[in-house]
Amino acid sequence: MVRELNYNFSTTVSHVTGALLHCLREFKGITQTSLAESTGMSTSGLSKLEKGETNISIEQIFIFGQQFGLKSSEFMVLLEESIELINKKGIFVANTKSKAVHIDKTNNIPVVMGVGAIMGLAVGSPIAALGIAALSGMIAQSSNDVLKKQIESREKNELQLLTDIGTLKNIIQPSILKKLSERQLLN
């Protein structure tokens, strides 16, 4: 859910998932090597998941849930809560690493440029050609000063991608640890 916040950074679901995995692993006192072995993954594969460099699969969510004593649905609830906490800190969580995020100042909402739009330009689709032609026409009609102001405005509105798992982990860890501690007391 996108709220009217002043976003300063963006991150991805992959990075938040990685931070959550790291928190859960540390809470259980499991080493990365041990968790990798018990889940049938390579240590480098698990490391990439924890760094947010790869996406987690449904099957991996199920397997990790078992390792941490969680149902896959509980894992997903923790992920959703983590995303919400990060969002509240002014970090917009986008749905993939390959998207650019800008702030539309008229509505103060994040605008995500999708991979499809980029791919359309690469393969030369007719729609992309029309878009490029229209853009060329607008640029030709704009003075250099107006164009310069638009570029400066766009650069100021672009959100920097936050990929530091340590920072994300520090945001979510207190809440996650509290929930896990409460859960263990109930069991």
C-alpha atoms as a PDB file:
ATOM      1  CA  MET A   1       0.000   0.000   0.000  1.00  0.00           C
ATOM      2  CA  VAL A   2       1.431   3.372  -1.045  1.00  0.00           C
ATOM      3  CA  ARG A   3       0.866   6.167   1.419  1.00  0.00           C
ATOM      4  CA  GLU A   4       1.569   9.836   1.075  1.00  0.00           C
ATOM      5  CA  LEU A   5       4.986   9.822   2.725  1.00  0.00           C
ATOM      6  CA  ASN A   6       8.155  11.644   1.958  1.00  0.00           C
ATOM      7  CA  TYR A   7      10.244   8.835   0.536  1.00  0.00           C
ATOM      8  CA  ASN A   8      13.991   9.273   0.575  1.00  0.00           C
ATOM      9  CA  PHE A   9      15.083   5.879  -0.715  1.00  0.00           C
ATOM     10  CA  SER A  10      13.741   2.826  -2.463  1.00  0.00           C
ATOM     11  CA  THR A  11      14.558  -0.823  -1.945  1.00  0.00           C
ATOM     12  CA  THR A  12      13.187  -4.099  -3.219  1.00  0.00           C
ATOM     13  CA  VAL A  13      11.154  -6.971  -1.873  1.00  0.00           C
ATOM     14  CA  SER A  14      14.245  -9.144  -2.466  1.00  0.00           C
ATOM     15  CA  HIS A  15      16.324  -6.972  -0.155  1.00  0.00           C
ATOM     16  CA  VAL A  16      13.655  -6.928   2.559  1.00  0.00           C
ATOM     17  CA  THR A  17      13.297 -10.712   2.256  1.00  0.00           C
ATOM     18  CA  GLY A  18      17.066 -11.050   2.631  1.00  0.00           C
ATOM     19  CA  ALA A  19      17.054  -8.899   5.764  1.00  0.00           C
ATOM     20  CA  LEU A  20      14.192 -10.970   7.193  1.00  0.00           C
ATOM     21  CA  LEU A  21      16.008 -14.245   6.472  1.00  0.00           C
ATOM     22  CA  HIS A  22      19.094 -12.869   8.162  1.00  0.00           C
ATOM     23  CA  CYS A  23      17.074 -11.833  11.249  1.00  0.00           C
ATOM     24  CA  LEU A  24      15.351 -15.209  11.480  1.00  0.00           C
ATOM     25  CA  ARG A  25      18.616 -17.106  11.069  1.00  0.00           C
ATOM     26  CA  GLU A  26      20.330 -15.048  13.762  1.00  0.00           C
ATOM     27  CA  PHE A  27      17.337 -15.371  16.113  1.00  0.00           C
ATOM     28  CA  LYS A  28      17.533 -19.161  15.823  1.00  0.00           C
ATOM     29  CA  GLY A  29      21.328 -19.067  16.264  1.00  0.00           C
ATOM     30  CA  ILE A  30      21.906 -20.895  12.976  1.00  0.00           C
ATOM     31  CA  THR A  31      24.998 -20.273  10.873  1.00  0.00           C
ATOM     32  CA  GLN A  32      24.633 -19.563   7.202  1.00  0.00           C
ATOM     33  CA  THR A  33      26.544 -22.754   6.354  1.00  0.00           C
ATOM     34  CA  SER A  34      24.353 -24.877   8.630  1.00  0.00           C
ATOM     35  CA  LEU A  35      21.121 -23.398   7.217  1.00  0.00           C
ATOM     36  CA  ALA A  36      22.348 -23.890   3.668  1.00  0.00           C
ATOM     37  CA  GLU A  37      23.141 -27.541   4.360  1.00  0.00           C
ATOM     38  CA  SER A  38      19.838 -28.241   6.092  1.00  0.00           C
ATOM     39  CA  THR A  39      17.852 -26.689   3.233  1.00  0.00           C
ATOM     40  CA  GLY A  40      19.854 -28.303   0.429  1.00  0.00           C
ATOM     41  CA  MET A  41      21.199 -24.976  -0.820  1.00  0.00           C
ATOM     42  CA  SER A  42      24.720 -23.877  -1.457  1.00  0.00           C
ATOM     43  CA  THR A  43      26.150 -21.369   1.004  1.00  0.00           C
ATOM     44  CA  SER A  44      26.653 -18.918  -1.852  1.00  0.00           C
ATOM     45  CA  GLY A  45      23.013 -19.366  -2.911  1.00  0.00           C
ATOM     46  CA  LEU A  46      21.817 -18.601   0.621  1.00  0.00           C
ATOM     47  CA  SER A  47      24.218 -15.660   0.817  1.00  0.00           C
ATOM     48  CA  LYS A  48      22.728 -14.230  -2.395  1.00  0.00           C
ATOM     49  CA  LEU A  49      19.212 -14.597  -0.937  1.00  0.00           C
ATOM     50  CA  GLU A  50      20.230 -12.836   2.270  1.00  0.00           C
ATOM     51  CA  LYS A  51      21.873 -10.003   0.312  1.00  0.00           C
ATOM     52  CA  GLY A  52      18.731  -9.564  -1.792  1.00  0.00           C
ATOM     53  CA  GLU A  53      20.591 -10.470  -4.978  1.00  0.00           C
ATOM     54  CA  THR A  54      18.100 -13.200  -5.897  1.00  0.00           C
ATOM     55  CA  ASN A  55      14.382 -13.675  -5.417  1.00  0.00           C
ATOM     56  CA  ILE A  56      13.034 -16.268  -3.028  1.00  0.00           C
ATOM     57  CA  SER A  57      10.770 -18.979  -4.397  1.00  0.00           C
ATOM     58  CA  ILE A  58       7.545 -20.291  -2.894  1.00  0.00           C
ATOM     59  CA  GLU A  59       9.257 -23.593  -2.215  1.00  0.00           C
ATOM     60  CA  GLN A  60      12.114 -21.831  -0.413  1.00  0.00           C
ATOM     61  CA  ILE A  61       9.619 -19.914   1.734  1.00  0.00           C
ATOM     62  CA  PHE A  62       8.081 -23.243   2.750  1.00  0.00           C
ATOM     63  CA  ILE A  63      11.501 -24.808   3.462  1.00  0.00           C
ATOM     64  CA  PHE A  64      12.827 -21.818   5.411  1.00  0.00           C
ATOM     65  CA  GLY A  65       9.584 -21.620   7.345  1.00  0.00           C
ATOM     66  CA  GLN A  66      10.091 -25.203   8.482  1.00  0.00           C
ATOM     67  CA  GLN A  67      13.671 -24.474   9.511  1.00  0.00           C
ATOM     68  CA  PHE A  68      12.561 -21.496  11.591  1.00  0.00           C
ATOM     69  CA  GLY A  69       9.502 -23.251  13.045  1.00  0.00           C
ATOM     70  CA  LEU A  70       7.075 -21.110  11.042  1.00  0.00           C
ATOM     71  CA  LYS A  71       4.281 -21.857   8.637  1.00  0.00           C
ATOM     72  CA  SER A  72       4.885 -20.356   5.200  1.00  0.00           C
ATOM     73  CA  SER A  73       1.931 -18.033   5.861  1.00  0.00           C
ATOM     74  CA  GLU A  74       3.606 -16.818   9.070  1.00  0.00           C
ATOM     75  CA  PHE A  75       6.794 -16.150   7.117  1.00  0.00           C
ATOM     76  CA  MET A  76       4.783 -14.077   4.634  1.00  0.00           C
ATOM     77  CA  VAL A  77       3.094 -12.124   7.435  1.00  0.00           C
ATOM     78  CA  LEU A  78       6.524 -11.287   8.860  1.00  0.00           C
ATOM     79  CA  LEU A  79       7.640 -10.200   5.385  1.00  0.00           C
ATOM     80  CA  GLU A  80       4.581  -7.967   4.948  1.00  0.00           C
ATOM     81  CA  GLU A  81       5.133  -6.422   8.384  1.00  0.00           C
ATOM     82  CA  SER A  82       8.808  -5.866   7.530  1.00  0.00           C
ATOM     83  CA  ILE A  83       7.843  -4.090   4.304  1.00  0.00           C
ATOM     84  CA  GLU A  84       5.411  -1.901   6.224  1.00  0.00           C
ATOM     85  CA  LEU A  85       8.051  -0.973   8.830  1.00  0.00           C
ATOM     86  CA  ILE A  86      10.545  -0.074   6.124  1.00  0.00           C
ATOM     87  CA  ASN A  87       7.912   1.903   4.252  1.00  0.00           C
ATOM     88  CA  LYS A  88       7.157   3.903   7.412  1.00  0.00           C
ATOM     89  CA  LYS A  89      10.847   4.869   7.590  1.00  0.00           C
ATOM     90  CA  GLY A  90      10.557   6.640   4.224  1.00  0.00           C
ATOM     91  CA  ILE A  91      11.911   3.782   2.108  1.00  0.00           C
ATOM     92  CA  PHE A  92       9.631   2.781  -0.759  1.00  0.00           C
ATOM     93  CA  VAL A  93       9.677  -0.984  -1.384  1.00  0.00           C
ATOM     94  CA  ALA A  94       9.470  -1.754  -5.115  1.00  0.00           C
ATOM     95  CA  ASN A  95       8.590  -5.173  -6.454  1.00  0.00           C
ATOM     96  CA  THR A  96      11.786  -5.896  -8.354  1.00  0.00           C
ATOM     97  CA  LYS A  97      15.407  -4.790  -8.512  1.00  0.00           C
ATOM     98  CA  SER A  98      15.193  -3.912 -12.179  1.00  0.00           C
ATOM     99  CA  LYS A  99      12.806  -0.990 -11.822  1.00  0.00           C
ATOM    100  CA  ALA A 100      13.530   2.705 -11.517  1.00  0.00           C
ATOM    101  CA  VAL A 101      11.531   4.580  -8.901  1.00  0.00           C
ATOM    102  CA  HIS A 102      10.774   8.295  -9.078  1.00  0.00           C
ATOM    103  CA  ILE A 103       8.502  10.494  -6.987  1.00  0.00           C
ATOM    104  CA  ASP A 104       5.626  12.163  -8.781  1.00  0.00           C
ATOM    105  CA  LYS A 105       5.561  15.460  -6.890  1.00  0.00           C
ATOM    106  CA  THR A 106       2.058  16.348  -8.088  1.00  0.00           C
ATOM    107  CA  ASN A 107       0.615  13.356  -6.214  1.00  0.00           C
ATOM    108  CA  ASN A 108       3.609  12.674  -3.931  1.00  0.00           C
ATOM    109  CA  ILE A 109       3.547   8.997  -4.869  1.00  0.00           C
ATOM    110  CA  PRO A 110       6.283   6.703  -6.152  1.00  0.00           C
ATOM    111  CA  VAL A 111       6.180   5.974  -9.865  1.00  0.00           C
ATOM    112  CA  VAL A 112       7.798   2.707 -10.930  1.00  0.00           C
ATOM    113  CA  MET A 113       9.144   2.394 -14.464  1.00  0.00           C
ATOM    114  CA  GLY A 114       8.738  -1.227 -15.414  1.00  0.00           C
ATOM    115  CA  VAL A 115      10.987  -3.614 -17.232  1.00  0.00           C
ATOM    116  CA  GLY A 116       8.360  -3.894 -19.963  1.00  0.00           C
ATOM    117  CA  ALA A 117       8.788  -0.240 -20.823  1.00  0.00           C
ATOM    118  CA  ILE A 118      12.539  -0.652 -21.060  1.00  0.00           C
ATOM    119  CA  MET A 119      12.210  -3.847 -23.107  1.00  0.00           C
ATOM    120  CA  GLY A 120       9.764  -2.140 -25.483  1.00  0.00           C
ATOM    121  CA  LEU A 121      12.462   0.372 -26.329  1.00  0.00           C
ATOM    122  CA  ALA A 122      15.049  -2.358 -26.801  1.00  0.00           C
ATOM    123  CA  VAL A 123      12.993  -4.433 -29.242  1.00  0.00           C
ATOM    124  CA  GLY A 124      11.667  -1.421 -31.151  1.00  0.00           C
ATOM    125  CA  SER A 125       7.946  -1.939 -30.675  1.00  0.00           C
ATOM    126  CA  PRO A 126       5.614   0.401 -32.581  1.00  0.00           C
ATOM    127  CA  ILE A 127       4.296   1.838 -29.319  1.00  0.00           C
ATOM    128  CA  ALA A 128       7.835   2.597 -28.187  1.00  0.00           C
ATOM    129  CA  ALA A 129       8.564   4.209 -31.555  1.00  0.00           C
ATOM    130  CA  LEU A 130       5.506   6.445 -31.161  1.00  0.00           C
ATOM    131  CA  GLY A 131       6.623   7.352 -27.652  1.00  0.00           C
ATOM    132  CA  ILE A 132      10.116   8.204 -28.858  1.00  0.00           C
ATOM    133  CA  ALA A 133       8.695  10.266 -31.732  1.00  0.00           C
ATOM    134  CA  ALA A 134       6.404  12.165 -29.359  1.00  0.00           C
ATOM    135  CA  LEU A 135       9.262  12.727 -26.934  1.00  0.00           C
ATOM    136  CA  SER A 136      11.478  13.981 -29.774  1.00  0.00           C
ATOM    137  CA  GLY A 137       8.759  16.422 -30.825  1.00  0.00           C
ATOM    138  CA  MET A 138       8.369  17.737 -27.295  1.00  0.00           C
ATOM    139  CA  ILE A 139      12.109  18.180 -26.898  1.00  0.00           C
ATOM    140  CA  ALA A 140      12.330  20.021 -30.206  1.00  0.00           C
ATOM    141  CA  GLN A 141       9.638  22.457 -29.058  1.00  0.00           C
ATOM    142  CA  SER A 142      11.114  23.026 -25.606  1.00  0.00           C
ATOM    143  CA  SER A 143      13.725  25.624 -24.974  1.00  0.00           C
ATOM    144  CA  ASN A 144      17.003  24.554 -23.413  1.00  0.00           C
ATOM    145  CA  ASP A 145      16.092  26.246 -20.124  1.00  0.00           C
ATOM    146  CA  VAL A 146      12.779  24.395 -19.778  1.00  0.00           C
ATOM    147  CA  LEU A 147      14.400  21.072 -20.659  1.00  0.00           C
ATOM    148  CA  LYS A 148      17.206  21.724 -18.182  1.00  0.00           C
ATOM    149  CA  LYS A 149      14.657  22.432 -15.394  1.00  0.00           C
ATOM    150  CA  GLN A 150      12.773  19.206 -16.191  1.00  0.00           C
ATOM    151  CA  ILE A 151      15.958  17.136 -16.053  1.00  0.00           C
ATOM    152  CA  GLU A 152      17.022  18.753 -12.766  1.00  0.00           C
ATOM    153  CA  SER A 153      13.554  18.151 -11.303  1.00  0.00           C
ATOM    154  CA  ARG A 154      13.584  14.500 -12.380  1.00  0.00           C
ATOM    155  CA  GLU A 155      17.052  13.976 -10.899  1.00  0.00           C
ATOM    156  CA  LYS A 156      15.948  15.450  -7.569  1.00  0.00           C
ATOM    157  CA  ASN A 157      12.888  13.197  -7.505  1.00  0.00           C
ATOM    158  CA  GLU A 158      14.702   9.943  -8.231  1.00  0.00           C
ATOM    159  CA  LEU A 159      14.948   7.689  -5.218  1.00  0.00           C
ATOM    160  CA  GLN A 160      18.326   6.210  -4.446  1.00  0.00           C
ATOM    161  CA  LEU A 161      18.263   2.398  -4.224  1.00  0.00           C
ATOM    162  CA  LEU A 162      19.070   1.179  -0.720  1.00  0.00           C
ATOM    163  CA  THR A 163      20.623  -2.276  -0.868  1.00  0.00           C
ATOM    164  CA  ASP A 164      22.371  -2.369   2.512  1.00  0.00           C
ATOM    165  CA  ILE A 165      20.857  -5.369   4.270  1.00  0.00           C
ATOM    166  CA  GLY A 166      22.323  -4.238   7.599  1.00  0.00           C
ATOM    167  CA  THR A 167      20.305  -1.019   7.498  1.00  0.00           C
ATOM    168  CA  LEU A 168      17.111  -2.847   6.539  1.00  0.00           C
ATOM    169  CA  LYS A 169      17.766  -5.475   9.195  1.00  0.00           C
ATOM    170  CA  ASN A 170      18.213  -2.776  11.863  1.00  0.00           C
ATOM    171  CA  ILE A 171      14.806  -1.339  10.956  1.00  0.00           C
ATOM    172  CA  ILE A 172      12.899  -4.625  11.149  1.00  0.00           C
ATOM    173  CA  GLN A 173      14.884  -6.587  13.732  1.00  0.00           C
ATOM    174  CA  PRO A 174      13.344  -5.211  16.971  1.00  0.00           C
ATOM    175  CA  SER A 175       9.799  -5.901  15.790  1.00  0.00           C
ATOM    176  CA  ILE A 176      10.644  -9.332  14.339  1.00  0.00           C
ATOM    177  CA  LEU A 177      12.535 -10.423  17.462  1.00  0.00           C
ATOM    178  CA  LYS A 178       9.667  -9.276  19.675  1.00  0.00           C
ATOM    179  CA  LYS A 179       7.125 -11.246  17.620  1.00  0.00           C
ATOM    180  CA  LEU A 180       9.313 -14.356  17.596  1.00  0.00           C
ATOM    181  CA  SER A 181       9.958 -14.138  21.355  1.00  0.00           C
ATOM    182  CA  GLU A 182       6.211 -13.791  22.040  1.00  0.00           C
ATOM    183  CA  ARG A 183       5.523 -16.735  19.767  1.00  0.00           C
ATOM    184  CA  GLN A 184       8.068 -18.939  21.585  1.00  0.00           C
ATOM    185  CA  LEU A 185       6.540 -18.055  24.950  1.00  0.00           C
ATOM    186  CA  LEU A 186       3.132 -19.162  23.675  1.00  0.00           C
ATOM    187  CA  ASN A 187       4.438 -22.512  22.364  1.00  0.00           C
END
